[in-house]
Amino acid sequence: FRQQGLEVVASIDLAYEGERHRHR
């Protein structure tokens, strides 16, 4: 979307990817 001209700020905090949960 940035390449298409929309400035996107993304903040993602998922338990699995933050190693707070063992399963996706």
PDBML (XML) file of the C-alpha atoms, coordinates in Angstrom:
<?xml version="1.0" encoding="UTF-8" ?>
<PDBx:datablock datablockName="MODEL"
   xmlns:PDBx="http://pdbml.pdb.org/schema/pdbx-v50.xsd"
   xmlns:xsi="http://www.w3.org/2001/XMLSchema-instance"
   xsi:schemaLocation="http://pdbml.pdb.org/schema/pdbx-v50.xsd pdbx-v50.xsd">
   <PDBx:atom_siteCategory>
      <PDBx:atom_site id="1">
         <PDBx:B_iso_or_equiv>0.00</PDBx:B_iso_or_equiv>
         <PDBx:Cartn_x>0.000</PDBx:Cartn_x>
         <PDBx:Cartn_y>0.000</PDBx:Cartn_y>
         <PDBx:Cartn_z>0.000</PDBx:Cartn_z>
         <PDBx:auth_asym_id>A</PDBx:auth_asym_id>
         <PDBx:auth_atom_id>CA</PDBx:auth_atom_id>
         <PDBx:auth_comp_id>PHE</PDBx:auth_comp_id>
         <PDBx:auth_seq_id>1</PDBx:auth_seq_id>
         <PDBx:group_PDB>ATOM</PDBx:group_PDB>
         <PDBx:label_alt_id xsi:nil="true" />
         <PDBx:label_asym_id>A</PDBx:label_asym_id>
         <PDBx:label_atom_id>CA</PDBx:label_atom_id>
         <PDBx:label_comp_id>PHE</PDBx:label_comp_id>
         <PDBx:label_entity_id>1</PDBx:label_entity_id>
         <PDBx:label_seq_id>1</PDBx:label_seq_id>
         <PDBx:occupancy>1.00</PDBx:occupancy>
         <PDBx:pdbx_PDB_model_num>1</PDBx:pdbx_PDB_model_num>
         <PDBx:type_symbol>C</PDBx:type_symbol>
      </PDBx:atom_site>
      <PDBx:atom_site id="2">
         <PDBx:B_iso_or_equiv>0.00</PDBx:B_iso_or_equiv>
         <PDBx:Cartn_x>2.923</PDBx:Cartn_x>
         <PDBx:Cartn_y>2.349</PDBx:Cartn_y>
         <PDBx:Cartn_z>0.651</PDBx:Cartn_z>
         <PDBx:auth_asym_id>A</PDBx:auth_asym_id>
         <PDBx:auth_atom_id>CA</PDBx:auth_atom_id>
         <PDBx:auth_comp_id>ARG</PDBx:auth_comp_id>
         <PDBx:auth_seq_id>2</PDBx:auth_seq_id>
         <PDBx:group_PDB>ATOM</PDBx:group_PDB>
         <PDBx:label_alt_id xsi:nil="true" />
         <PDBx:label_asym_id>A</PDBx:label_asym_id>
         <PDBx:label_atom_id>CA</PDBx:label_atom_id>
         <PDBx:label_comp_id>ARG</PDBx:label_comp_id>
         <PDBx:label_entity_id>1</PDBx:label_entity_id>
         <PDBx:label_seq_id>2</PDBx:label_seq_id>
         <PDBx:occupancy>1.00</PDBx:occupancy>
         <PDBx:pdbx_PDB_model_num>1</PDBx:pdbx_PDB_model_num>
         <PDBx:type_symbol>C</PDBx:type_symbol>
      </PDBx:atom_site>
      <PDBx:atom_site id="3">
         <PDBx:B_iso_or_equiv>0.00</PDBx:B_iso_or_equiv>
         <PDBx:Cartn_x>4.128</PDBx:Cartn_x>
         <PDBx:Cartn_y>1.701</PDBx:Cartn_y>
         <PDBx:Cartn_z>-2.884</PDBx:Cartn_z>
         <PDBx:auth_asym_id>A</PDBx:auth_asym_id>
         <PDBx:auth_atom_id>CA</PDBx:auth_atom_id>
         <PDBx:auth_comp_id>GLN</PDBx:auth_comp_id>
         <PDBx:auth_seq_id>3</PDBx:auth_seq_id>
         <PDBx:group_PDB>ATOM</PDBx:group_PDB>
         <PDBx:label_alt_id xsi:nil="true" />
         <PDBx:label_asym_id>A</PDBx:label_asym_id>
         <PDBx:label_atom_id>CA</PDBx:label_atom_id>
         <PDBx:label_comp_id>GLN</PDBx:label_comp_id>
         <PDBx:label_entity_id>1</PDBx:label_entity_id>
         <PDBx:label_seq_id>3</PDBx:label_seq_id>
         <PDBx:occupancy>1.00</PDBx:occupancy>
         <PDBx:pdbx_PDB_model_num>1</PDBx:pdbx_PDB_model_num>
         <PDBx:type_symbol>C</PDBx:type_symbol>
      </PDBx:atom_site>
      <PDBx:atom_site id="4">
         <PDBx:B_iso_or_equiv>0.00</PDBx:B_iso_or_equiv>
         <PDBx:Cartn_x>0.662</PDBx:Cartn_x>
         <PDBx:Cartn_y>2.781</PDBx:Cartn_y>
         <PDBx:Cartn_z>-4.063</PDBx:Cartn_z>
         <PDBx:auth_asym_id>A</PDBx:auth_asym_id>
         <PDBx:auth_atom_id>CA</PDBx:auth_atom_id>
         <PDBx:auth_comp_id>GLN</PDBx:auth_comp_id>
         <PDBx:auth_seq_id>4</PDBx:auth_seq_id>
         <PDBx:group_PDB>ATOM</PDBx:group_PDB>
         <PDBx:label_alt_id xsi:nil="true" />
         <PDBx:label_asym_id>A</PDBx:label_asym_id>
         <PDBx:label_atom_id>CA</PDBx:label_atom_id>
         <PDBx:label_comp_id>GLN</PDBx:label_comp_id>
         <PDBx:label_entity_id>1</PDBx:label_entity_id>
         <PDBx:label_seq_id>4</PDBx:label_seq_id>
         <PDBx:occupancy>1.00</PDBx:occupancy>
         <PDBx:pdbx_PDB_model_num>1</PDBx:pdbx_PDB_model_num>
         <PDBx:type_symbol>C</PDBx:type_symbol>
      </PDBx:atom_site>
      <PDBx:atom_site id="5">
         <PDBx:B_iso_or_equiv>0.00</PDBx:B_iso_or_equiv>
         <PDBx:Cartn_x>0.927</PDBx:Cartn_x>
         <PDBx:Cartn_y>6.090</PDBx:Cartn_y>
         <PDBx:Cartn_z>-2.205</PDBx:Cartn_z>
         <PDBx:auth_asym_id>A</PDBx:auth_asym_id>
         <PDBx:auth_atom_id>CA</PDBx:auth_atom_id>
         <PDBx:auth_comp_id>GLY</PDBx:auth_comp_id>
         <PDBx:auth_seq_id>5</PDBx:auth_seq_id>
         <PDBx:group_PDB>ATOM</PDBx:group_PDB>
         <PDBx:label_alt_id xsi:nil="true" />
         <PDBx:label_asym_id>A</PDBx:label_asym_id>
         <PDBx:label_atom_id>CA</PDBx:label_atom_id>
         <PDBx:label_comp_id>GLY</PDBx:label_comp_id>
         <PDBx:label_entity_id>1</PDBx:label_entity_id>
         <PDBx:label_seq_id>5</PDBx:label_seq_id>
         <PDBx:occupancy>1.00</PDBx:occupancy>
         <PDBx:pdbx_PDB_model_num>1</PDBx:pdbx_PDB_model_num>
         <PDBx:type_symbol>C</PDBx:type_symbol>
      </PDBx:atom_site>
      <PDBx:atom_site id="6">
         <PDBx:B_iso_or_equiv>0.00</PDBx:B_iso_or_equiv>
         <PDBx:Cartn_x>-0.855</PDBx:Cartn_x>
         <PDBx:Cartn_y>5.311</PDBx:Cartn_y>
         <PDBx:Cartn_z>1.084</PDBx:Cartn_z>
         <PDBx:auth_asym_id>A</PDBx:auth_asym_id>
         <PDBx:auth_atom_id>CA</PDBx:auth_atom_id>
         <PDBx:auth_comp_id>LEU</PDBx:auth_comp_id>
         <PDBx:auth_seq_id>6</PDBx:auth_seq_id>
         <PDBx:group_PDB>ATOM</PDBx:group_PDB>
         <PDBx:label_alt_id xsi:nil="true" />
         <PDBx:label_asym_id>A</PDBx:label_asym_id>
         <PDBx:label_atom_id>CA</PDBx:label_atom_id>
         <PDBx:label_comp_id>LEU</PDBx:label_comp_id>
         <PDBx:label_entity_id>1</PDBx:label_entity_id>
         <PDBx:label_seq_id>6</PDBx:label_seq_id>
         <PDBx:occupancy>1.00</PDBx:occupancy>
         <PDBx:pdbx_PDB_model_num>1</PDBx:pdbx_PDB_model_num>
         <PDBx:type_symbol>C</PDBx:type_symbol>
      </PDBx:atom_site>
      <PDBx:atom_site id="7">
         <PDBx:B_iso_or_equiv>0.00</PDBx:B_iso_or_equiv>
         <PDBx:Cartn_x>1.410</PDBx:Cartn_x>
         <PDBx:Cartn_y>5.980</PDBx:Cartn_y>
         <PDBx:Cartn_z>4.066</PDBx:Cartn_z>
         <PDBx:auth_asym_id>A</PDBx:auth_asym_id>
         <PDBx:auth_atom_id>CA</PDBx:auth_atom_id>
         <PDBx:auth_comp_id>GLU</PDBx:auth_comp_id>
         <PDBx:auth_seq_id>7</PDBx:auth_seq_id>
         <PDBx:group_PDB>ATOM</PDBx:group_PDB>
         <PDBx:label_alt_id xsi:nil="true" />
         <PDBx:label_asym_id>A</PDBx:label_asym_id>
         <PDBx:label_atom_id>CA</PDBx:label_atom_id>
         <PDBx:label_comp_id>GLU</PDBx:label_comp_id>
         <PDBx:label_entity_id>1</PDBx:label_entity_id>
         <PDBx:label_seq_id>7</PDBx:label_seq_id>
         <PDBx:occupancy>1.00</PDBx:occupancy>
         <PDBx:pdbx_PDB_model_num>1</PDBx:pdbx_PDB_model_num>
         <PDBx:type_symbol>C</PDBx:type_symbol>
      </PDBx:atom_site>
      <PDBx:atom_site id="8">
         <PDBx:B_iso_or_equiv>0.00</PDBx:B_iso_or_equiv>
         <PDBx:Cartn_x>0.738</PDBx:Cartn_x>
         <PDBx:Cartn_y>3.082</PDBx:Cartn_y>
         <PDBx:Cartn_z>6.435</PDBx:Cartn_z>
         <PDBx:auth_asym_id>A</PDBx:auth_asym_id>
         <PDBx:auth_atom_id>CA</PDBx:auth_atom_id>
         <PDBx:auth_comp_id>VAL</PDBx:auth_comp_id>
         <PDBx:auth_seq_id>8</PDBx:auth_seq_id>
         <PDBx:group_PDB>ATOM</PDBx:group_PDB>
         <PDBx:label_alt_id xsi:nil="true" />
         <PDBx:label_asym_id>A</PDBx:label_asym_id>
         <PDBx:label_atom_id>CA</PDBx:label_atom_id>
         <PDBx:label_comp_id>VAL</PDBx:label_comp_id>
         <PDBx:label_entity_id>1</PDBx:label_entity_id>
         <PDBx:label_seq_id>8</PDBx:label_seq_id>
         <PDBx:occupancy>1.00</PDBx:occupancy>
         <PDBx:pdbx_PDB_model_num>1</PDBx:pdbx_PDB_model_num>
         <PDBx:type_symbol>C</PDBx:type_symbol>
      </PDBx:atom_site>
      <PDBx:atom_site id="9">
         <PDBx:B_iso_or_equiv>0.00</PDBx:B_iso_or_equiv>
         <PDBx:Cartn_x>1.980</PDBx:Cartn_x>
         <PDBx:Cartn_y>2.831</PDBx:Cartn_y>
         <PDBx:Cartn_z>10.010</PDBx:Cartn_z>
         <PDBx:auth_asym_id>A</PDBx:auth_asym_id>
         <PDBx:auth_atom_id>CA</PDBx:auth_atom_id>
         <PDBx:auth_comp_id>VAL</PDBx:auth_comp_id>
         <PDBx:auth_seq_id>9</PDBx:auth_seq_id>
         <PDBx:group_PDB>ATOM</PDBx:group_PDB>
         <PDBx:label_alt_id xsi:nil="true" />
         <PDBx:label_asym_id>A</PDBx:label_asym_id>
         <PDBx:label_atom_id>CA</PDBx:label_atom_id>
         <PDBx:label_comp_id>VAL</PDBx:label_comp_id>
         <PDBx:label_entity_id>1</PDBx:label_entity_id>
         <PDBx:label_seq_id>9</PDBx:label_seq_id>
         <PDBx:occupancy>1.00</PDBx:occupancy>
         <PDBx:pdbx_PDB_model_num>1</PDBx:pdbx_PDB_model_num>
         <PDBx:type_symbol>C</PDBx:type_symbol>
      </PDBx:atom_site>
      <PDBx:atom_site id="10">
         <PDBx:B_iso_or_equiv>0.00</PDBx:B_iso_or_equiv>
         <PDBx:Cartn_x>1.565</PDBx:Cartn_x>
         <PDBx:Cartn_y>-0.716</PDBx:Cartn_y>
         <PDBx:Cartn_z>11.323</PDBx:Cartn_z>
         <PDBx:auth_asym_id>A</PDBx:auth_asym_id>
         <PDBx:auth_atom_id>CA</PDBx:auth_atom_id>
         <PDBx:auth_comp_id>ALA</PDBx:auth_comp_id>
         <PDBx:auth_seq_id>10</PDBx:auth_seq_id>
         <PDBx:group_PDB>ATOM</PDBx:group_PDB>
         <PDBx:label_alt_id xsi:nil="true" />
         <PDBx:label_asym_id>A</PDBx:label_asym_id>
         <PDBx:label_atom_id>CA</PDBx:label_atom_id>
         <PDBx:label_comp_id>ALA</PDBx:label_comp_id>
         <PDBx:label_entity_id>1</PDBx:label_entity_id>
         <PDBx:label_seq_id>10</PDBx:label_seq_id>
         <PDBx:occupancy>1.00</PDBx:occupancy>
         <PDBx:pdbx_PDB_model_num>1</PDBx:pdbx_PDB_model_num>
         <PDBx:type_symbol>C</PDBx:type_symbol>
      </PDBx:atom_site>
      <PDBx:atom_site id="11">
         <PDBx:B_iso_or_equiv>0.00</PDBx:B_iso_or_equiv>
         <PDBx:Cartn_x>1.874</PDBx:Cartn_x>
         <PDBx:Cartn_y>-1.915</PDBx:Cartn_y>
         <PDBx:Cartn_z>14.904</PDBx:Cartn_z>
         <PDBx:auth_asym_id>A</PDBx:auth_asym_id>
         <PDBx:auth_atom_id>CA</PDBx:auth_atom_id>
         <PDBx:auth_comp_id>SER</PDBx:auth_comp_id>
         <PDBx:auth_seq_id>11</PDBx:auth_seq_id>
         <PDBx:group_PDB>ATOM</PDBx:group_PDB>
         <PDBx:label_alt_id xsi:nil="true" />
         <PDBx:label_asym_id>A</PDBx:label_asym_id>
         <PDBx:label_atom_id>CA</PDBx:label_atom_id>
         <PDBx:label_comp_id>SER</PDBx:label_comp_id>
         <PDBx:label_entity_id>1</PDBx:label_entity_id>
         <PDBx:label_seq_id>11</PDBx:label_seq_id>
         <PDBx:occupancy>1.00</PDBx:occupancy>
         <PDBx:pdbx_PDB_model_num>1</PDBx:pdbx_PDB_model_num>
         <PDBx:type_symbol>C</PDBx:type_symbol>
      </PDBx:atom_site>
      <PDBx:atom_site id="12">
         <PDBx:B_iso_or_equiv>0.00</PDBx:B_iso_or_equiv>
         <PDBx:Cartn_x>1.234</PDBx:Cartn_x>
         <PDBx:Cartn_y>-5.602</PDBx:Cartn_y>
         <PDBx:Cartn_z>15.478</PDBx:Cartn_z>
         <PDBx:auth_asym_id>A</PDBx:auth_asym_id>
         <PDBx:auth_atom_id>CA</PDBx:auth_atom_id>
         <PDBx:auth_comp_id>ILE</PDBx:auth_comp_id>
         <PDBx:auth_seq_id>12</PDBx:auth_seq_id>
         <PDBx:group_PDB>ATOM</PDBx:group_PDB>
         <PDBx:label_alt_id xsi:nil="true" />
         <PDBx:label_asym_id>A</PDBx:label_asym_id>
         <PDBx:label_atom_id>CA</PDBx:label_atom_id>
         <PDBx:label_comp_id>ILE</PDBx:label_comp_id>
         <PDBx:label_entity_id>1</PDBx:label_entity_id>
         <PDBx:label_seq_id>12</PDBx:label_seq_id>
         <PDBx:occupancy>1.00</PDBx:occupancy>
         <PDBx:pdbx_PDB_model_num>1</PDBx:pdbx_PDB_model_num>
         <PDBx:type_symbol>C</PDBx:type_symbol>
      </PDBx:atom_site>
      <PDBx:atom_site id="13">
         <PDBx:B_iso_or_equiv>0.00</PDBx:B_iso_or_equiv>
         <PDBx:Cartn_x>1.484</PDBx:Cartn_x>
         <PDBx:Cartn_y>-7.421</PDBx:Cartn_y>
         <PDBx:Cartn_z>18.797</PDBx:Cartn_z>
         <PDBx:auth_asym_id>A</PDBx:auth_asym_id>
         <PDBx:auth_atom_id>CA</PDBx:auth_atom_id>
         <PDBx:auth_comp_id>ASP</PDBx:auth_comp_id>
         <PDBx:auth_seq_id>13</PDBx:auth_seq_id>
         <PDBx:group_PDB>ATOM</PDBx:group_PDB>
         <PDBx:label_alt_id xsi:nil="true" />
         <PDBx:label_asym_id>A</PDBx:label_asym_id>
         <PDBx:label_atom_id>CA</PDBx:label_atom_id>
         <PDBx:label_comp_id>ASP</PDBx:label_comp_id>
         <PDBx:label_entity_id>1</PDBx:label_entity_id>
         <PDBx:label_seq_id>13</PDBx:label_seq_id>
         <PDBx:occupancy>1.00</PDBx:occupancy>
         <PDBx:pdbx_PDB_model_num>1</PDBx:pdbx_PDB_model_num>
         <PDBx:type_symbol>C</PDBx:type_symbol>
      </PDBx:atom_site>
      <PDBx:atom_site id="14">
         <PDBx:B_iso_or_equiv>0.00</PDBx:B_iso_or_equiv>
         <PDBx:Cartn_x>0.277</PDBx:Cartn_x>
         <PDBx:Cartn_y>-11.022</PDBx:Cartn_y>
         <PDBx:Cartn_z>18.613</PDBx:Cartn_z>
         <PDBx:auth_asym_id>A</PDBx:auth_asym_id>
         <PDBx:auth_atom_id>CA</PDBx:auth_atom_id>
         <PDBx:auth_comp_id>LEU</PDBx:auth_comp_id>
         <PDBx:auth_seq_id>14</PDBx:auth_seq_id>
         <PDBx:group_PDB>ATOM</PDBx:group_PDB>
         <PDBx:label_alt_id xsi:nil="true" />
         <PDBx:label_asym_id>A</PDBx:label_asym_id>
         <PDBx:label_atom_id>CA</PDBx:label_atom_id>
         <PDBx:label_comp_id>LEU</PDBx:label_comp_id>
         <PDBx:label_entity_id>1</PDBx:label_entity_id>
         <PDBx:label_seq_id>14</PDBx:label_seq_id>
         <PDBx:occupancy>1.00</PDBx:occupancy>
         <PDBx:pdbx_PDB_model_num>1</PDBx:pdbx_PDB_model_num>
         <PDBx:type_symbol>C</PDBx:type_symbol>
      </PDBx:atom_site>
      <PDBx:atom_site id="15">
         <PDBx:B_iso_or_equiv>0.00</PDBx:B_iso_or_equiv>
         <PDBx:Cartn_x>0.837</PDBx:Cartn_x>
         <PDBx:Cartn_y>-13.400</PDBx:Cartn_y>
         <PDBx:Cartn_z>21.519</PDBx:Cartn_z>
         <PDBx:auth_asym_id>A</PDBx:auth_asym_id>
         <PDBx:auth_atom_id>CA</PDBx:auth_atom_id>
         <PDBx:auth_comp_id>ALA</PDBx:auth_comp_id>
         <PDBx:auth_seq_id>15</PDBx:auth_seq_id>
         <PDBx:group_PDB>ATOM</PDBx:group_PDB>
         <PDBx:label_alt_id xsi:nil="true" />
         <PDBx:label_asym_id>A</PDBx:label_asym_id>
         <PDBx:label_atom_id>CA</PDBx:label_atom_id>
         <PDBx:label_comp_id>ALA</PDBx:label_comp_id>
         <PDBx:label_entity_id>1</PDBx:label_entity_id>
         <PDBx:label_seq_id>15</PDBx:label_seq_id>
         <PDBx:occupancy>1.00</PDBx:occupancy>
         <PDBx:pdbx_PDB_model_num>1</PDBx:pdbx_PDB_model_num>
         <PDBx:type_symbol>C</PDBx:type_symbol>
      </PDBx:atom_site>
      <PDBx:atom_site id="16">
         <PDBx:B_iso_or_equiv>0.00</PDBx:B_iso_or_equiv>
         <PDBx:Cartn_x>2.398</PDBx:Cartn_x>
         <PDBx:Cartn_y>-16.193</PDBx:Cartn_y>
         <PDBx:Cartn_z>19.444</PDBx:Cartn_z>
         <PDBx:auth_asym_id>A</PDBx:auth_asym_id>
         <PDBx:auth_atom_id>CA</PDBx:auth_atom_id>
         <PDBx:auth_comp_id>TYR</PDBx:auth_comp_id>
         <PDBx:auth_seq_id>16</PDBx:auth_seq_id>
         <PDBx:group_PDB>ATOM</PDBx:group_PDB>
         <PDBx:label_alt_id xsi:nil="true" />
         <PDBx:label_asym_id>A</PDBx:label_asym_id>
         <PDBx:label_atom_id>CA</PDBx:label_atom_id>
         <PDBx:label_comp_id>TYR</PDBx:label_comp_id>
         <PDBx:label_entity_id>1</PDBx:label_entity_id>
         <PDBx:label_seq_id>16</PDBx:label_seq_id>
         <PDBx:occupancy>1.00</PDBx:occupancy>
         <PDBx:pdbx_PDB_model_num>1</PDBx:pdbx_PDB_model_num>
         <PDBx:type_symbol>C</PDBx:type_symbol>
      </PDBx:atom_site>
      <PDBx:atom_site id="17">
         <PDBx:B_iso_or_equiv>0.00</PDBx:B_iso_or_equiv>
         <PDBx:Cartn_x>4.767</PDBx:Cartn_x>
         <PDBx:Cartn_y>-13.942</PDBx:Cartn_y>
         <PDBx:Cartn_z>17.555</PDBx:Cartn_z>
         <PDBx:auth_asym_id>A</PDBx:auth_asym_id>
         <PDBx:auth_atom_id>CA</PDBx:auth_atom_id>
         <PDBx:auth_comp_id>GLU</PDBx:auth_comp_id>
         <PDBx:auth_seq_id>17</PDBx:auth_seq_id>
         <PDBx:group_PDB>ATOM</PDBx:group_PDB>
         <PDBx:label_alt_id xsi:nil="true" />
         <PDBx:label_asym_id>A</PDBx:label_asym_id>
         <PDBx:label_atom_id>CA</PDBx:label_atom_id>
         <PDBx:label_comp_id>GLU</PDBx:label_comp_id>
         <PDBx:label_entity_id>1</PDBx:label_entity_id>
         <PDBx:label_seq_id>17</PDBx:label_seq_id>
         <PDBx:occupancy>1.00</PDBx:occupancy>
         <PDBx:pdbx_PDB_model_num>1</PDBx:pdbx_PDB_model_num>
         <PDBx:type_symbol>C</PDBx:type_symbol>
      </PDBx:atom_site>
      <PDBx:atom_site id="18">
         <PDBx:B_iso_or_equiv>0.00</PDBx:B_iso_or_equiv>
         <PDBx:Cartn_x>5.687</PDBx:Cartn_x>
         <PDBx:Cartn_y>-12.170</PDBx:Cartn_y>
         <PDBx:Cartn_z>20.792</PDBx:Cartn_z>
         <PDBx:auth_asym_id>A</PDBx:auth_asym_id>
         <PDBx:auth_atom_id>CA</PDBx:auth_atom_id>
         <PDBx:auth_comp_id>GLY</PDBx:auth_comp_id>
         <PDBx:auth_seq_id>18</PDBx:auth_seq_id>
         <PDBx:group_PDB>ATOM</PDBx:group_PDB>
         <PDBx:label_alt_id xsi:nil="true" />
         <PDBx:label_asym_id>A</PDBx:label_asym_id>
         <PDBx:label_atom_id>CA</PDBx:label_atom_id>
         <PDBx:label_comp_id>GLY</PDBx:label_comp_id>
         <PDBx:label_entity_id>1</PDBx:label_entity_id>
         <PDBx:label_seq_id>18</PDBx:label_seq_id>
         <PDBx:occupancy>1.00</PDBx:occupancy>
         <PDBx:pdbx_PDB_model_num>1</PDBx:pdbx_PDB_model_num>
         <PDBx:type_symbol>C</PDBx:type_symbol>
      </PDBx:atom_site>
      <PDBx:atom_site id="19">
         <PDBx:B_iso_or_equiv>0.00</PDBx:B_iso_or_equiv>
         <PDBx:Cartn_x>6.442</PDBx:Cartn_x>
         <PDBx:Cartn_y>-15.608</PDBx:Cartn_y>
         <PDBx:Cartn_z>22.295</PDBx:Cartn_z>
         <PDBx:auth_asym_id>A</PDBx:auth_asym_id>
         <PDBx:auth_atom_id>CA</PDBx:auth_atom_id>
         <PDBx:auth_comp_id>GLU</PDBx:auth_comp_id>
         <PDBx:auth_seq_id>19</PDBx:auth_seq_id>
         <PDBx:group_PDB>ATOM</PDBx:group_PDB>
         <PDBx:label_alt_id xsi:nil="true" />
         <PDBx:label_asym_id>A</PDBx:label_asym_id>
         <PDBx:label_atom_id>CA</PDBx:label_atom_id>
         <PDBx:label_comp_id>GLU</PDBx:label_comp_id>
         <PDBx:label_entity_id>1</PDBx:label_entity_id>
         <PDBx:label_seq_id>19</PDBx:label_seq_id>
         <PDBx:occupancy>1.00</PDBx:occupancy>
         <PDBx:pdbx_PDB_model_num>1</PDBx:pdbx_PDB_model_num>
         <PDBx:type_symbol>C</PDBx:type_symbol>
      </PDBx:atom_site>
      <PDBx:atom_site id="20">
         <PDBx:B_iso_or_equiv>0.00</PDBx:B_iso_or_equiv>
         <PDBx:Cartn_x>3.747</PDBx:Cartn_x>
         <PDBx:Cartn_y>-15.212</PDBx:Cartn_y>
         <PDBx:Cartn_z>24.962</PDBx:Cartn_z>
         <PDBx:auth_asym_id>A</PDBx:auth_asym_id>
         <PDBx:auth_atom_id>CA</PDBx:auth_atom_id>
         <PDBx:auth_comp_id>ARG</PDBx:auth_comp_id>
         <PDBx:auth_seq_id>20</PDBx:auth_seq_id>
         <PDBx:group_PDB>ATOM</PDBx:group_PDB>
         <PDBx:label_alt_id xsi:nil="true" />
         <PDBx:label_asym_id>A</PDBx:label_asym_id>
         <PDBx:label_atom_id>CA</PDBx:label_atom_id>
         <PDBx:label_comp_id>ARG</PDBx:label_comp_id>
         <PDBx:label_entity_id>1</PDBx:label_entity_id>
         <PDBx:label_seq_id>20</PDBx:label_seq_id>
         <PDBx:occupancy>1.00</PDBx:occupancy>
         <PDBx:pdbx_PDB_model_num>1</PDBx:pdbx_PDB_model_num>
         <PDBx:type_symbol>C</PDBx:type_symbol>
      </PDBx:atom_site>
      <PDBx:atom_site id="21">
         <PDBx:B_iso_or_equiv>0.00</PDBx:B_iso_or_equiv>
         <PDBx:Cartn_x>1.782</PDBx:Cartn_x>
         <PDBx:Cartn_y>-18.163</PDBx:Cartn_y>
         <PDBx:Cartn_z>23.615</PDBx:Cartn_z>
         <PDBx:auth_asym_id>A</PDBx:auth_asym_id>
         <PDBx:auth_atom_id>CA</PDBx:auth_atom_id>
         <PDBx:auth_comp_id>HIS</PDBx:auth_comp_id>
         <PDBx:auth_seq_id>21</PDBx:auth_seq_id>
         <PDBx:group_PDB>ATOM</PDBx:group_PDB>
         <PDBx:label_alt_id xsi:nil="true" />
         <PDBx:label_asym_id>A</PDBx:label_asym_id>
         <PDBx:label_atom_id>CA</PDBx:label_atom_id>
         <PDBx:label_comp_id>HIS</PDBx:label_comp_id>
         <PDBx:label_entity_id>1</PDBx:label_entity_id>
         <PDBx:label_seq_id>21</PDBx:label_seq_id>
         <PDBx:occupancy>1.00</PDBx:occupancy>
         <PDBx:pdbx_PDB_model_num>1</PDBx:pdbx_PDB_model_num>
         <PDBx:type_symbol>C</PDBx:type_symbol>
      </PDBx:atom_site>
      <PDBx:atom_site id="22">
         <PDBx:B_iso_or_equiv>0.00</PDBx:B_iso_or_equiv>
         <PDBx:Cartn_x>3.006</PDBx:Cartn_x>
         <PDBx:Cartn_y>-21.499</PDBx:Cartn_y>
         <PDBx:Cartn_z>22.286</PDBx:Cartn_z>
         <PDBx:auth_asym_id>A</PDBx:auth_asym_id>
         <PDBx:auth_atom_id>CA</PDBx:auth_atom_id>
         <PDBx:auth_comp_id>ARG</PDBx:auth_comp_id>
         <PDBx:auth_seq_id>22</PDBx:auth_seq_id>
         <PDBx:group_PDB>ATOM</PDBx:group_PDB>
         <PDBx:label_alt_id xsi:nil="true" />
         <PDBx:label_asym_id>A</PDBx:label_asym_id>
         <PDBx:label_atom_id>CA</PDBx:label_atom_id>
         <PDBx:label_comp_id>ARG</PDBx:label_comp_id>
         <PDBx:label_entity_id>1</PDBx:label_entity_id>
         <PDBx:label_seq_id>22</PDBx:label_seq_id>
         <PDBx:occupancy>1.00</PDBx:occupancy>
         <PDBx:pdbx_PDB_model_num>1</PDBx:pdbx_PDB_model_num>
         <PDBx:type_symbol>C</PDBx:type_symbol>
      </PDBx:atom_site>
      <PDBx:atom_site id="23">
         <PDBx:B_iso_or_equiv>0.00</PDBx:B_iso_or_equiv>
         <PDBx:Cartn_x>0.483</PDBx:Cartn_x>
         <PDBx:Cartn_y>-22.010</PDBx:Cartn_y>
         <PDBx:Cartn_z>19.485</PDBx:Cartn_z>
         <PDBx:auth_asym_id>A</PDBx:auth_asym_id>
         <PDBx:auth_atom_id>CA</PDBx:auth_atom_id>
         <PDBx:auth_comp_id>HIS</PDBx:auth_comp_id>
         <PDBx:auth_seq_id>23</PDBx:auth_seq_id>
         <PDBx:group_PDB>ATOM</PDBx:group_PDB>
         <PDBx:label_alt_id xsi:nil="true" />
         <PDBx:label_asym_id>A</PDBx:label_asym_id>
         <PDBx:label_atom_id>CA</PDBx:label_atom_id>
         <PDBx:label_comp_id>HIS</PDBx:label_comp_id>
         <PDBx:label_entity_id>1</PDBx:label_entity_id>
         <PDBx:label_seq_id>23</PDBx:label_seq_id>
         <PDBx:occupancy>1.00</PDBx:occupancy>
         <PDBx:pdbx_PDB_model_num>1</PDBx:pdbx_PDB_model_num>
         <PDBx:type_symbol>C</PDBx:type_symbol>
      </PDBx:atom_site>
      <PDBx:atom_site id="24">
         <PDBx:B_iso_or_equiv>0.00</PDBx:B_iso_or_equiv>
         <PDBx:Cartn_x>-0.475</PDBx:Cartn_x>
         <PDBx:Cartn_y>-20.022</PDBx:Cartn_y>
         <PDBx:Cartn_z>16.425</PDBx:Cartn_z>
         <PDBx:auth_asym_id>A</PDBx:auth_asym_id>
         <PDBx:auth_atom_id>CA</PDBx:auth_atom_id>
         <PDBx:auth_comp_id>ARG</PDBx:auth_comp_id>
         <PDBx:auth_seq_id>24</PDBx:auth_seq_id>
         <PDBx:group_PDB>ATOM</PDBx:group_PDB>
         <PDBx:label_alt_id xsi:nil="true" />
         <PDBx:label_asym_id>A</PDBx:label_asym_id>
         <PDBx:label_atom_id>CA</PDBx:label_atom_id>
         <PDBx:label_comp_id>ARG</PDBx:label_comp_id>
         <PDBx:label_entity_id>1</PDBx:label_entity_id>
         <PDBx:label_seq_id>24</PDBx:label_seq_id>
         <PDBx:occupancy>1.00</PDBx:occupancy>
         <PDBx:pdbx_PDB_model_num>1</PDBx:pdbx_PDB_model_num>
         <PDBx:type_symbol>C</PDBx:type_symbol>
      </PDBx:atom_site>
   </PDBx:atom_siteCategory>
</PDBx:datablock>
